[in-house]
Amino acid sequence: MNRFKMLGMALIVLIMVFSLAACGSKEKKSEQKEDVTKDGKIALDYWNAIGGDAGEALQELVDNFNDSQDEIEINSLYQGSYDEALNKLKQVEGTKEAPSIVQLFGTGNREMIDTADIVPVQNFMDEEDYDTSMFEDATIDYYTFDDKIYSMPFSTSNAIMYYNKDAFEEVGLNPDDPPQSYSEIEAASKKLTVKDGDKIERYGFSFPIYGWLFEELMANQGELVVNNDNGRKGERATAAAFDSEAGLNIMNWLKDLHEKDLNANYGRDLDDYGSAFKTGEVAITMQSSAHIADYVADSDFEVGTAFLPHPDGVEPKGAQIGGNSHWIMANQSEEAQEAAWEFLKFLSTAENQAFWSVNTGYFPIRSDARDEQILIDAYEETPQLKTPVEQLEATEPIPETGGAAIGIIPEMRQTIEDQIERLYDGSADPQEALTDAADKTTKAIEKYEKITGN
């Protein structure tokens, strides 16, 4: 069993254990954390999953907040990956050891709402009539469930297409007019693929085996991943919906590119796809917009960026949001909760969102951040950073682009990845792979809903 399947099984087990222990946030009884003071200030533990250079930028924001006032002290504590942070939270959630604020990826939204002891940020927004009019609609929609914003968005990204402009010029393709339809990508990939006998020295295209990218391609077709409006408008999702013509469009396209040796397969390690692109082994790929700064800095060629591709004859609807948000935990005093809210508001200002965008590659959660000089200068120096913002602005704020609001997203993505691999090794045709993935996802949703009592 490979490490990805082991991780997926572990996540499923942890979800069940956590859910059974919690029995939903509405019924959970938590220990009351005592306020901790430091030098006369209320001190809050802030768990996050941001390391490396981005982690240093986050610490700078924390330090700036601590220096900006004399009533609150934020203690920033790195917890490893998002999965590691979530698993650690499950072990202490509801106890005095739990953090006051936790940062998690968007895929954990439904699970946090269903099982964790949290306070929706909507409560604080309503209390002071907090203005969200400058926030991007798609960003707010992603963190809104039943007309309530549960967590405060912070880092925002979407999937985009990256391409090698130098390679385009080499084969006579217009580097300023990238392919956008599936057939256009296939035609470009044929020209971009370079062979030396039977050896392929450069692949025209590479689609990372990553379930999130499959979801992105569904959203761009304006189609649901799960039923009941992706579980976002009243009724909860009860079954997969990607076993559709839109899902088949994707599977047929990937199968066709694979059989024609136009699509490089590097397994499930996303770093391998990034390395292949940056070294010129692949001319076109797809990945999160959060990698723009990295790809531009580490490539020896001019990097182009473009919107997500779409099937021929399908009007693109836009991209699904990625990134992370902040949750305020409930088992602390009202004073501590208010202090946590003050910190989240600080991180969400136009000035700080511009700083965060420039130093990480994420794009701002609010439109007025783009008026900050630091971001104006960054867009001038690295125009590729504007692509995900423009794609977000072109995205229709509909349930189909909002993403699936379910508690088993990690399992669903792994299931889709399993079936793409079957597609490539010939053990399943596109319809069989799609149906199998949908059936397993539906069963996982049913089990999750039963365990959580929903």
Protein backbone atom coordinates (compact mmCIF):
# COMPACT_ATOMS: atom_id res chain seq x y z
CA MET A 1 0.00 0.00 0.00
CA ASN A 2 1.54 3.35 -0.99
CA ARG A 3 1.88 6.25 1.42
CA PHE A 4 -0.98 8.20 -0.17
CA LYS A 5 -3.48 5.43 0.42
CA MET A 6 -2.18 5.00 3.97
CA LEU A 7 -2.61 8.73 4.57
CA GLY A 8 -6.11 8.66 3.14
CA MET A 9 -7.14 5.73 5.35
CA ALA A 10 -5.62 7.43 8.38
CA LEU A 11 -7.57 10.61 7.67
CA ILE A 12 -10.81 8.65 7.34
CA VAL A 13 -10.24 6.90 10.66
CA LEU A 14 -9.37 10.18 12.37
CA ILE A 15 -12.51 11.81 10.99
CA MET A 16 -14.61 8.99 12.42
CA VAL A 17 -12.89 9.05 15.79
CA PHE A 18 -13.11 12.82 16.07
CA SER A 19 -16.71 12.88 14.91
CA LEU A 20 -17.84 10.17 17.34
CA ALA A 21 -16.12 11.98 20.20
CA ALA A 22 -17.56 15.33 19.24
CA CYS A 23 -21.08 14.32 18.17
CA GLY A 24 -21.40 17.69 16.51
CA SER A 25 -20.53 21.14 17.76
CA LYS A 26 -24.09 21.78 18.91
CA GLU A 27 -23.90 19.09 21.61
CA LYS A 28 -20.23 19.29 22.55
CA LYS A 29 -19.29 20.14 26.11
CA SER A 30 -15.87 21.75 26.32
CA GLU A 31 -13.63 22.67 29.18
CA GLN A 32 -13.43 26.41 29.66
CA LYS A 33 -9.94 27.71 28.98
CA GLU A 34 -8.69 30.19 31.52
CA ASP A 35 -7.46 33.49 30.17
CA VAL A 36 -3.69 33.59 29.99
CA THR A 37 -2.01 36.94 30.52
CA LYS A 38 1.47 38.07 29.56
CA ASP A 39 2.81 41.43 30.70
CA GLY A 40 -0.73 42.54 31.40
CA LYS A 41 -1.97 41.42 27.97
CA ILE A 42 -4.36 38.63 27.11
CA ALA A 43 -2.22 35.96 25.39
CA LEU A 44 -3.63 33.71 22.68
CA ASP A 45 -2.12 30.61 21.08
CA TYR A 46 -2.40 30.73 17.30
CA TRP A 47 -1.85 27.43 15.47
CA ASN A 48 -0.87 27.71 11.82
CA ALA A 49 0.42 25.55 8.99
CA ILE A 50 2.65 28.05 7.20
CA GLY A 51 6.37 27.26 7.09
CA GLY A 52 9.42 28.35 5.09
CA ASP A 53 9.63 31.85 3.63
CA ALA A 54 5.87 32.28 3.91
CA GLY A 55 6.11 31.35 7.58
CA GLU A 56 8.59 34.16 8.11
CA ALA A 57 6.18 36.59 6.44
CA LEU A 58 3.37 35.36 8.70
CA GLN A 59 5.54 35.86 11.79
CA GLU A 60 6.21 39.41 10.64
CA LEU A 61 2.47 40.06 10.50
CA VAL A 62 2.06 38.57 13.98
CA ASP A 63 4.87 40.73 15.32
CA ASN A 64 3.35 43.80 13.69
CA PHE A 65 0.02 43.08 15.36
CA ASN A 66 1.63 42.55 18.76
CA ASP A 67 3.51 45.85 18.40
CA SER A 68 0.44 47.74 17.20
CA GLN A 69 -1.41 47.62 20.53
CA ASP A 70 -0.84 46.79 24.21
CA GLU A 71 -3.81 44.59 25.10
CA ILE A 72 -3.29 41.34 23.12
CA GLU A 73 -0.29 39.06 22.59
CA ILE A 74 -0.47 36.46 19.80
CA ASN A 75 1.76 33.41 20.23
CA SER A 76 2.26 31.95 16.74
CA LEU A 77 2.86 28.18 16.79
CA TYR A 78 3.70 26.27 13.60
CA GLN A 79 1.99 22.85 13.55
CA GLY A 80 3.36 21.32 10.35
CA SER A 81 1.14 20.58 7.35
CA TYR A 82 -2.58 21.27 7.26
CA ASP A 83 -3.29 17.58 7.87
CA GLU A 84 -0.92 17.56 10.84
CA ALA A 85 -2.50 20.69 12.28
CA LEU A 86 -6.00 19.25 11.93
CA ASN A 87 -5.00 15.94 13.51
CA LYS A 88 -3.34 17.72 16.45
CA LEU A 89 -6.46 19.83 16.91
CA LYS A 90 -8.58 16.69 17.08
CA GLN A 91 -6.45 15.43 19.95
CA VAL A 92 -6.89 18.53 22.12
CA GLU A 93 -10.08 20.13 20.79
CA GLY A 94 -12.49 20.93 23.59
CA THR A 95 -9.78 20.85 26.25
CA LYS A 96 -7.77 23.59 27.95
CA GLU A 97 -4.83 22.70 25.69
CA ALA A 98 -6.68 23.74 22.52
CA PRO A 99 -5.51 26.88 20.72
CA SER A 100 -7.57 30.05 20.64
CA ILE A 101 -7.18 30.43 16.86
CA VAL A 102 -6.41 27.76 14.30
CA GLN A 103 -5.57 28.05 10.62
CA LEU A 104 -6.81 25.25 8.36
CA PHE A 105 -7.24 24.52 4.67
CA GLY A 106 -10.58 25.05 3.01
CA THR A 107 -11.21 21.33 2.60
CA GLY A 108 -11.74 21.10 6.36
CA ASN A 109 -14.67 23.54 6.42
CA ARG A 110 -17.56 21.11 6.60
CA GLU A 111 -15.83 18.88 9.13
CA MET A 112 -15.01 21.82 11.41
CA ILE A 113 -18.60 23.04 11.29
CA ASP A 114 -20.01 19.57 11.97
CA THR A 115 -17.67 18.39 14.70
CA ALA A 116 -15.55 21.15 16.23
CA ASP A 117 -16.33 23.59 19.03
CA ILE A 118 -16.01 26.86 17.15
CA VAL A 119 -17.59 30.30 17.06
CA PRO A 120 -18.66 31.47 13.58
CA VAL A 121 -16.95 34.73 12.65
CA GLN A 122 -20.36 35.87 11.41
CA ASN A 123 -21.26 36.44 15.07
CA PHE A 124 -18.54 39.06 15.43
CA MET A 125 -19.30 40.57 12.04
CA ASP A 126 -22.95 41.04 12.94
CA GLU A 127 -22.13 42.50 16.34
CA GLU A 128 -20.14 45.39 14.89
CA ASP A 129 -21.65 45.51 11.39
CA TYR A 130 -18.28 44.55 9.90
CA ASP A 131 -18.02 45.58 6.25
CA THR A 132 -17.22 42.72 3.83
CA SER A 133 -18.15 44.65 0.68
CA MET A 134 -14.52 44.84 -0.44
CA PHE A 135 -14.00 41.11 -0.07
CA GLU A 136 -14.03 39.03 -3.25
CA ASP A 137 -17.47 37.42 -3.69
CA ALA A 138 -16.06 34.00 -4.54
CA THR A 139 -13.89 34.06 -1.43
CA ILE A 140 -16.76 34.92 0.90
CA ASP A 141 -19.02 32.36 -0.79
CA TYR A 142 -16.47 29.59 -0.24
CA TYR A 143 -16.54 30.07 3.52
CA THR A 144 -20.30 30.68 3.76
CA PHE A 145 -22.67 27.89 4.74
CA ASP A 146 -26.41 28.42 5.17
CA ASP A 147 -25.88 32.18 4.83
CA LYS A 148 -23.31 32.27 7.67
CA ILE A 149 -19.56 32.92 7.37
CA TYR A 150 -17.91 30.43 9.72
CA SER A 151 -14.19 31.15 9.34
CA MET A 152 -12.21 34.19 8.27
CA PRO A 153 -10.54 33.77 4.87
CA PHE A 154 -6.82 34.54 4.80
CA SER A 155 -4.82 32.93 2.02
CA THR A 156 -6.58 32.63 -1.32
CA SER A 157 -5.56 30.82 -4.49
CA ASN A 158 -7.09 29.06 -7.46
CA ALA A 159 -5.77 26.68 -10.09
CA ILE A 160 -4.27 28.13 -13.24
CA MET A 161 -2.36 26.91 -16.27
CA TYR A 162 1.39 27.47 -16.54
CA TYR A 163 3.28 27.34 -19.84
CA ASN A 164 6.78 27.78 -21.22
CA LYS A 165 6.76 30.88 -23.42
CA ASP A 166 10.21 30.10 -24.84
CA ALA A 167 9.07 26.66 -25.95
CA PHE A 168 6.01 28.21 -27.57
CA GLU A 169 8.17 30.53 -29.64
CA GLU A 170 10.50 27.64 -30.51
CA VAL A 171 7.69 25.67 -32.19
CA GLY A 172 5.91 28.64 -33.75
CA LEU A 173 3.09 29.05 -31.19
CA ASN A 174 2.04 32.51 -30.04
CA PRO A 175 3.38 32.88 -26.48
CA ASP A 176 0.83 35.60 -25.79
CA ASP A 177 -2.13 33.50 -26.92
CA PRO A 178 -2.11 30.25 -24.88
CA PRO A 179 -4.50 27.39 -25.69
CA GLN A 180 -7.72 27.37 -23.68
CA SER A 181 -9.90 24.55 -25.00
CA TYR A 182 -9.10 20.86 -24.59
CA SER A 183 -8.55 20.43 -28.33
CA GLU A 184 -6.30 23.51 -28.46
CA ILE A 185 -4.15 22.08 -25.67
CA GLU A 186 -3.88 18.77 -27.51
CA ALA A 187 -2.86 20.53 -30.75
CA ALA A 188 -0.28 22.66 -28.93
CA SER A 189 1.04 19.64 -27.04
CA LYS A 190 1.70 17.79 -30.30
CA LYS A 191 3.90 20.65 -31.47
CA LEU A 192 5.60 21.06 -28.10
CA THR A 193 6.43 17.39 -27.53
CA VAL A 194 10.03 16.62 -28.43
CA LYS A 195 11.23 13.05 -29.09
CA ASP A 196 14.64 11.48 -29.59
CA GLY A 197 13.73 8.14 -31.10
CA ASP A 198 11.41 6.46 -28.61
CA LYS A 199 12.51 8.73 -25.79
CA ILE A 200 10.41 11.78 -25.01
CA GLU A 201 12.70 14.66 -24.05
CA ARG A 202 9.91 17.17 -23.55
CA TYR A 203 6.23 16.51 -23.00
CA GLY A 204 3.76 19.02 -24.34
CA PHE A 205 1.47 18.74 -21.33
CA SER A 206 1.22 17.30 -17.85
CA PHE A 207 -1.89 17.04 -15.70
CA PRO A 208 -0.94 16.40 -12.05
CA ILE A 209 -2.84 13.51 -10.51
CA TYR A 210 -4.53 15.70 -7.93
CA GLY A 211 -8.22 15.48 -7.10
CA TRP A 212 -8.48 19.22 -6.51
CA LEU A 213 -7.61 19.89 -10.15
CA PHE A 214 -10.41 17.56 -11.25
CA GLU A 215 -12.78 19.63 -9.08
CA GLU A 216 -11.44 22.80 -10.68
CA LEU A 217 -12.19 21.48 -14.16
CA MET A 218 -15.71 20.57 -13.05
CA ALA A 219 -16.25 24.09 -11.67
CA ASN A 220 -15.01 25.65 -14.90
CA GLN A 221 -17.71 23.74 -16.77
CA GLY A 222 -20.32 25.05 -14.35
CA GLU A 223 -21.07 21.56 -13.08
CA LEU A 224 -21.53 20.18 -9.55
CA VAL A 225 -19.16 17.83 -7.78
CA VAL A 226 -21.83 16.67 -5.32
CA ASN A 227 -25.61 17.04 -5.36
CA ASN A 228 -27.88 19.58 -3.70
CA ASP A 229 -25.96 22.58 -5.08
CA ASN A 230 -22.65 21.17 -3.83
CA GLY A 231 -24.26 21.01 -0.39
CA ARG A 232 -24.17 24.79 -0.13
CA LYS A 233 -27.77 25.98 -0.37
CA GLY A 234 -29.85 24.53 2.43
CA GLU A 235 -29.83 20.76 1.87
CA ARG A 236 -26.64 18.88 2.64
CA ALA A 237 -24.98 16.88 -0.12
CA THR A 238 -25.95 13.20 -0.11
CA ALA A 239 -24.22 11.86 -3.22
CA ALA A 240 -21.53 12.50 -5.80
CA ALA A 241 -22.62 14.37 -8.92
CA PHE A 242 -19.41 14.32 -10.96
CA ASP A 243 -20.48 11.10 -12.73
CA SER A 244 -21.83 13.30 -15.49
CA GLU A 245 -21.09 14.48 -19.00
CA ALA A 246 -18.76 17.12 -17.51
CA GLY A 247 -16.82 14.49 -15.58
CA LEU A 248 -16.63 12.30 -18.66
CA ASN A 249 -15.27 15.25 -20.65
CA ILE A 250 -12.32 15.38 -18.27
CA MET A 251 -11.68 11.63 -18.17
CA ASN A 252 -11.90 11.24 -21.95
CA TRP A 253 -9.51 14.16 -22.45
CA LEU A 254 -6.92 12.78 -20.01
CA LYS A 255 -7.17 9.29 -21.50
CA ASP A 256 -6.73 10.63 -25.02
CA LEU A 257 -3.68 12.73 -24.10
CA HIS A 258 -2.13 9.81 -22.24
CA GLU A 259 -2.58 7.35 -25.10
CA LYS A 260 -0.99 9.82 -27.52
CA ASP A 261 2.06 10.30 -25.26
CA LEU A 262 1.24 13.97 -24.81
CA ASN A 263 0.61 13.93 -21.06
CA ALA A 264 3.53 13.25 -18.67
CA ASN A 265 2.63 11.14 -15.62
CA TYR A 266 4.76 11.70 -12.50
CA GLY A 267 2.47 9.92 -10.07
CA ARG A 268 1.02 11.79 -7.11
CA ASP A 269 4.02 13.76 -5.89
CA LEU A 270 3.10 17.30 -6.89
CA ASP A 271 6.66 18.50 -6.42
CA ASP A 272 7.73 16.24 -9.27
CA TYR A 273 5.34 17.99 -11.65
CA GLY A 274 6.65 21.38 -10.56
CA SER A 275 10.25 20.27 -11.04
CA ALA A 276 9.50 18.87 -14.49
CA PHE A 277 7.95 22.16 -15.55
CA LYS A 278 10.71 24.35 -14.13
CA THR A 279 13.44 22.25 -15.80
CA GLY A 280 11.70 22.35 -19.18
CA GLU A 281 10.71 18.67 -19.28
CA VAL A 282 7.07 19.75 -19.58
CA ALA A 283 5.81 22.74 -21.57
CA ILE A 284 2.28 23.15 -20.13
CA THR A 285 0.97 22.15 -16.72
CA MET A 286 -1.69 23.04 -14.15
CA GLN A 287 -1.21 23.88 -10.49
CA SER A 288 -2.21 26.28 -7.72
CA SER A 289 -1.60 29.96 -8.33
CA ALA A 290 0.30 29.97 -5.03
CA HIS A 291 3.28 28.59 -7.01
CA ILE A 292 3.61 31.59 -9.34
CA ALA A 293 6.48 33.26 -7.50
CA ASP A 294 8.33 29.95 -7.18
CA TYR A 295 7.90 28.94 -10.84
CA VAL A 296 8.89 32.36 -12.14
CA ALA A 297 11.98 32.58 -9.92
CA ASP A 298 13.24 29.01 -10.54
CA SER A 299 12.66 28.64 -14.29
CA ASP A 300 15.30 29.50 -16.90
CA PHE A 301 12.59 30.53 -19.36
CA GLU A 302 9.77 33.04 -19.40
CA VAL A 303 6.78 31.59 -17.59
CA GLY A 304 3.32 32.23 -18.98
CA THR A 305 0.12 31.93 -16.95
CA ALA A 306 -3.42 31.44 -18.18
CA PHE A 307 -6.96 30.63 -17.07
CA LEU A 308 -8.11 27.05 -16.58
CA PRO A 309 -8.85 25.11 -19.77
CA HIS A 310 -12.36 23.98 -20.75
CA PRO A 311 -13.95 21.46 -23.14
CA ASP A 312 -14.70 22.63 -26.66
CA GLY A 313 -18.08 24.30 -26.90
CA VAL A 314 -18.35 24.86 -23.13
CA GLU A 315 -18.45 28.40 -21.82
CA PRO A 316 -16.01 28.64 -18.88
CA LYS A 317 -17.57 29.55 -15.55
CA GLY A 318 -14.40 30.13 -13.52
CA ALA A 319 -12.33 28.60 -10.77
CA GLN A 320 -12.91 27.10 -7.36
CA ILE A 321 -11.21 28.86 -4.45
CA GLY A 322 -8.28 27.27 -2.61
CA GLY A 323 -6.20 28.42 0.33
CA ASN A 324 -6.89 28.63 4.05
CA SER A 325 -8.88 30.44 6.70
CA HIS A 326 -8.86 31.10 10.46
CA TRP A 327 -11.21 29.59 13.02
CA ILE A 328 -12.01 31.00 16.46
CA MET A 329 -12.37 28.24 19.04
CA ALA A 330 -15.29 28.44 21.45
CA ASN A 331 -13.93 27.13 24.76
CA GLN A 332 -12.45 30.41 25.91
CA SER A 333 -13.80 33.56 27.49
CA GLU A 334 -15.72 36.12 25.48
CA GLU A 335 -12.82 38.50 26.06
CA ALA A 336 -10.40 36.00 24.49
CA GLN A 337 -12.74 35.43 21.55
CA GLU A 338 -12.99 39.17 20.96
CA ALA A 339 -9.20 39.39 21.10
CA ALA A 340 -8.95 36.62 18.49
CA TRP A 341 -11.38 38.52 16.28
CA GLU A 342 -9.25 41.67 16.53
CA PHE A 343 -6.24 39.70 15.26
CA LEU A 344 -8.21 38.24 12.33
CA LYS A 345 -9.43 41.69 11.35
CA PHE A 346 -5.83 42.91 11.40
CA LEU A 347 -4.73 40.14 9.03
CA SER A 348 -7.60 41.04 6.70
CA THR A 349 -6.82 44.72 6.14
CA ALA A 350 -5.98 45.83 2.61
CA GLU A 351 -2.42 46.73 3.66
CA ASN A 352 -1.70 43.36 5.26
CA GLN A 353 -3.36 41.39 2.49
CA ALA A 354 -1.16 43.18 -0.03
CA PHE A 355 1.93 42.39 2.05
CA TRP A 356 0.89 38.74 2.33
CA SER A 357 0.24 38.45 -1.40
CA VAL A 358 3.61 39.92 -2.38
CA ASN A 359 5.52 37.69 0.04
CA THR A 360 3.73 34.40 -0.70
CA GLY A 361 2.09 34.36 -4.14
CA TYR A 362 -1.44 34.06 -2.73
CA PHE A 363 -3.78 36.75 -3.97
CA PRO A 364 -5.67 39.14 -1.67
CA ILE A 365 -9.07 38.26 -0.26
CA ARG A 366 -10.20 41.85 -0.85
CA SER A 367 -10.15 43.94 -4.00
CA ASP A 368 -8.93 47.20 -2.43
CA ALA A 369 -5.62 45.51 -1.52
CA ARG A 370 -4.70 45.88 -5.18
CA ASP A 371 -4.59 49.64 -4.65
CA GLU A 372 -1.68 49.27 -2.23
CA GLN A 373 1.60 50.43 -3.79
CA ILE A 374 3.48 47.31 -2.72
CA LEU A 375 1.09 45.17 -4.78
CA ILE A 376 0.99 47.59 -7.70
CA ASP A 377 4.78 47.31 -7.89
CA ALA A 378 4.66 43.51 -7.62
CA TYR A 379 2.16 43.24 -10.49
CA GLU A 380 4.42 45.45 -12.58
CA GLU A 381 7.45 43.27 -11.84
CA THR A 382 5.62 39.92 -12.00
CA PRO A 383 2.49 40.32 -14.17
CA GLN A 384 1.79 36.58 -13.85
CA LEU A 385 0.44 37.34 -10.37
CA LYS A 386 -2.55 39.07 -11.96
CA THR A 387 -3.81 35.93 -13.73
CA PRO A 388 -5.53 34.26 -10.74
CA VAL A 389 -7.03 37.60 -9.69
CA GLU A 390 -8.47 38.16 -13.17
CA GLN A 391 -9.73 34.57 -13.24
CA LEU A 392 -11.41 35.11 -9.87
CA GLU A 393 -13.09 38.27 -11.13
CA ALA A 394 -14.36 36.33 -14.16
CA THR A 395 -15.70 33.50 -11.98
CA GLU A 396 -19.47 33.31 -11.64
CA PRO A 397 -20.50 33.17 -7.95
CA ILE A 398 -22.63 30.04 -8.27
CA PRO A 399 -22.71 26.81 -6.20
CA GLU A 400 -20.84 25.02 -8.98
CA THR A 401 -17.77 27.23 -8.50
CA GLY A 402 -18.15 27.27 -4.71
CA GLY A 403 -16.72 23.79 -4.23
CA ALA A 404 -18.14 20.75 -2.48
CA ALA A 405 -19.27 21.37 1.10
CA ILE A 406 -18.71 17.86 2.43
CA GLY A 407 -16.69 16.38 5.26
CA ILE A 408 -14.89 13.74 3.22
CA ILE A 409 -13.05 15.83 0.63
CA PRO A 410 -9.65 14.18 1.28
CA GLU A 411 -11.20 10.76 0.68
CA MET A 412 -13.05 11.92 -2.42
CA ARG A 413 -9.88 13.37 -3.91
CA GLN A 414 -7.93 10.20 -3.22
CA THR A 415 -10.67 8.15 -4.86
CA ILE A 416 -10.56 10.33 -7.98
CA GLU A 417 -6.77 10.03 -8.05
CA ASP A 418 -7.05 6.23 -7.79
CA GLN A 419 -9.32 6.18 -10.82
CA ILE A 420 -7.12 8.47 -12.90
CA GLU A 421 -4.28 6.03 -12.29
CA ARG A 422 -6.54 3.16 -13.42
CA LEU A 423 -7.36 5.21 -16.47
CA TYR A 424 -3.69 5.52 -17.31
CA ASP A 425 -2.74 1.88 -16.65
CA GLY A 426 -5.62 0.64 -18.77
CA SER A 427 -7.50 -1.16 -16.00
CA ALA A 428 -10.56 1.09 -16.43
CA ASP A 429 -12.12 3.07 -19.26
CA PRO A 430 -13.23 6.68 -18.64
CA GLN A 431 -16.85 5.86 -17.80
CA GLU A 432 -15.93 2.94 -15.56
CA ALA A 433 -13.35 5.03 -13.70
CA LEU A 434 -15.80 7.89 -13.25
CA THR A 435 -18.64 5.66 -12.06
CA ASP A 436 -16.41 3.84 -9.59
CA ALA A 437 -15.11 7.11 -8.13
CA ALA A 438 -18.64 8.50 -7.80
CA ASP A 439 -19.99 5.34 -6.15
CA LYS A 440 -17.19 5.27 -3.57
CA THR A 441 -17.61 8.98 -2.87
CA THR A 442 -21.37 8.58 -2.32
CA LYS A 443 -20.80 5.73 0.13
CA ALA A 444 -18.22 7.80 2.00
CA ILE A 445 -20.67 10.73 2.25
CA GLU A 446 -23.38 8.42 3.58
CA LYS A 447 -21.03 7.02 6.22
CA TYR A 448 -19.87 10.46 7.28
CA GLU A 449 -23.42 11.79 7.58
CA LYS A 450 -24.41 8.78 9.68
CA ILE A 451 -21.42 9.12 12.00
CA THR A 452 -21.90 12.86 12.51
CA GLY A 453 -25.63 12.47 13.01
CA ASN A 454 -26.67 14.74 10.16
